[in-house]
Amino acid sequence: QVQLAESGGGVAQTGGSLRLSCAASERGINNRVMAWFRQAPGKEREFVASITWSGGSPYYADLVKGRFSISRDNAKTAAYLQMTGLVPEDTAVYYCAGGLFRAYGSTRADDFASWGQGTQVTVSS
């Protein structure tokens, strides 16, 4: 199983920006769909964005469309989430996830087999 590790979380003010990184333990991640999910206290884990193995077809949840940007660098076995225009409702633990065939076009956490430990993002008003 590929190991994933997130970094880059922290505290930002409303309207601010943060960039999250996800490092994978092996090149096996390069043929996987990479995605970001988030989970706020007392809420279900929700889909944020995903990107295919080639870096194409980025897909976003409506709540973050136009504000967040997902990318990947297969040479570095890494994925990123650039977050701009942050609002307090973006406060959550953000998780990096990787998946194979079932993950293509999916927004369901169950379709992703590899997960990181999560990184906290807090947006103050």
Protein backbone atom coordinates (compact mmCIF):
# COMPACT_ATOMS: atom_id res chain seq x y z
CA GLN A 1 0.00 0.00 0.00
CA VAL A 2 1.31 3.43 -0.93
CA GLN A 3 1.97 5.69 2.03
CA LEU A 4 0.86 9.31 1.78
CA ALA A 5 1.88 12.26 3.96
CA GLU A 6 0.32 15.71 3.90
CA SER A 7 1.98 18.96 4.87
CA GLY A 8 1.32 22.66 4.57
CA GLY A 9 -1.68 23.08 6.81
CA GLY A 10 -1.93 25.92 9.27
CA VAL A 11 -3.88 29.04 10.13
CA ALA A 12 -4.96 31.62 7.58
CA GLN A 13 -7.18 34.65 7.67
CA THR A 14 -10.32 34.99 5.59
CA GLY A 15 -9.29 35.73 2.04
CA GLY A 16 -5.86 34.22 2.57
CA SER A 17 -4.07 31.34 0.88
CA LEU A 18 -2.43 28.08 1.80
CA ARG A 19 -0.74 25.37 -0.25
CA LEU A 20 -1.02 21.76 0.82
CA SER A 21 1.42 19.10 -0.32
CA CYS A 22 1.05 15.35 -0.43
CA ALA A 23 4.18 13.20 -0.66
CA ALA A 24 3.92 9.56 -1.71
CA SER A 25 6.27 6.81 -0.59
CA GLU A 26 6.74 5.25 -4.01
CA ARG A 27 6.29 5.74 -7.71
CA GLY A 28 3.29 3.44 -7.64
CA ILE A 29 1.30 6.54 -6.91
CA ASN A 30 1.93 7.82 -10.43
CA ASN A 31 -0.73 5.59 -11.98
CA ARG A 32 -3.33 6.57 -9.45
CA VAL A 33 -6.00 9.21 -9.29
CA MET A 34 -5.01 11.67 -6.58
CA ALA A 35 -7.60 13.57 -4.59
CA TRP A 36 -8.11 15.81 -1.60
CA PHE A 37 -10.91 15.36 0.89
CA ARG A 38 -11.69 17.30 4.04
CA GLN A 39 -13.53 16.68 7.27
CA ALA A 40 -14.81 19.35 9.61
CA PRO A 41 -15.72 18.56 13.24
CA GLY A 42 -19.01 16.73 13.44
CA LYS A 43 -19.32 16.40 9.67
CA GLU A 44 -18.79 13.68 7.11
CA ARG A 45 -15.61 13.53 5.09
CA GLU A 46 -16.24 15.38 1.83
CA PHE A 47 -14.63 15.46 -1.57
CA VAL A 48 -12.64 18.58 -2.49
CA ALA A 49 -10.77 17.91 -5.74
CA SER A 50 -9.18 15.16 -7.83
CA ILE A 51 -6.74 14.81 -10.71
CA THR A 52 -5.92 11.90 -13.02
CA TRP A 53 -2.52 10.22 -13.32
CA SER A 54 -1.59 12.36 -16.33
CA GLY A 55 -2.41 15.60 -14.54
CA GLY A 56 -5.46 16.14 -16.68
CA SER A 57 -9.16 16.35 -15.93
CA PRO A 58 -8.99 18.17 -12.60
CA TYR A 59 -12.36 18.01 -10.91
CA TYR A 60 -13.62 20.18 -8.07
CA ALA A 61 -16.44 20.25 -5.61
CA ASP A 62 -18.75 23.18 -6.25
CA LEU A 63 -17.85 24.77 -2.91
CA VAL A 64 -14.20 25.22 -3.90
CA LYS A 65 -14.45 25.68 -7.66
CA GLY A 66 -12.63 28.81 -8.75
CA ARG A 67 -10.76 29.10 -5.44
CA PHE A 68 -8.77 25.86 -5.15
CA SER A 69 -6.42 24.31 -7.67
CA ILE A 70 -5.14 20.72 -7.66
CA SER A 71 -1.94 19.67 -9.38
CA ARG A 72 0.59 16.86 -9.29
CA ASP A 73 4.24 16.27 -10.08
CA ASN A 74 4.85 12.62 -10.93
CA ALA A 75 8.62 13.11 -11.00
CA LYS A 76 8.39 14.01 -7.32
CA THR A 77 5.54 11.58 -6.59
CA ALA A 78 3.64 14.48 -5.10
CA ALA A 79 0.29 16.20 -5.34
CA TYR A 80 -0.69 19.69 -4.28
CA LEU A 81 -3.73 21.74 -3.37
CA GLN A 82 -3.43 25.49 -3.79
CA MET A 83 -6.17 27.18 -1.77
CA THR A 84 -7.04 30.84 -2.26
CA GLY A 85 -9.94 32.99 -1.11
CA LEU A 86 -10.19 30.98 2.08
CA VAL A 87 -13.29 31.35 4.23
CA PRO A 88 -14.01 30.03 7.74
CA GLU A 89 -16.15 27.26 6.24
CA ASP A 90 -12.96 25.80 4.74
CA THR A 91 -11.73 24.96 8.24
CA ALA A 92 -11.21 21.20 8.39
CA VAL A 93 -8.66 18.43 8.42
CA TYR A 94 -7.54 17.92 4.83
CA TYR A 95 -6.65 14.44 3.60
CA CYS A 96 -4.73 13.33 0.55
CA ALA A 97 -6.01 10.16 -1.10
CA GLY A 98 -4.97 7.90 -3.96
CA GLY A 99 -6.99 5.36 -5.88
CA LEU A 100 -6.99 3.17 -8.95
CA PHE A 101 -9.81 2.26 -11.32
CA ARG A 102 -12.73 2.81 -8.97
CA ALA A 103 -11.45 6.27 -8.15
CA TYR A 104 -11.71 7.58 -11.71
CA GLY A 105 -14.50 10.15 -11.76
CA SER A 106 -15.42 9.31 -8.19
CA THR A 107 -16.09 11.67 -5.29
CA ARG A 108 -16.64 8.82 -2.80
CA ALA A 109 -14.03 8.31 -0.10
CA ASP A 110 -14.63 4.55 -0.22
CA ASP A 111 -13.26 4.42 -3.77
CA PHE A 112 -9.82 5.61 -2.64
CA ALA A 113 -7.56 2.99 -1.07
CA SER A 114 -4.57 5.08 0.09
CA TRP A 115 -4.85 7.87 2.65
CA GLY A 116 -2.63 10.25 4.51
CA GLN A 117 -2.97 11.17 8.19
CA GLY A 118 -4.42 14.59 7.43
CA THR A 119 -3.33 18.17 8.00
CA GLN A 120 -5.34 20.81 9.86
CA VAL A 121 -6.43 23.97 8.06
CA THR A 122 -7.99 26.71 10.18
CA VAL A 123 -9.40 29.89 8.67
CA SER A 124 -10.08 32.73 11.06
CA SER A 125 -12.69 35.39 10.43
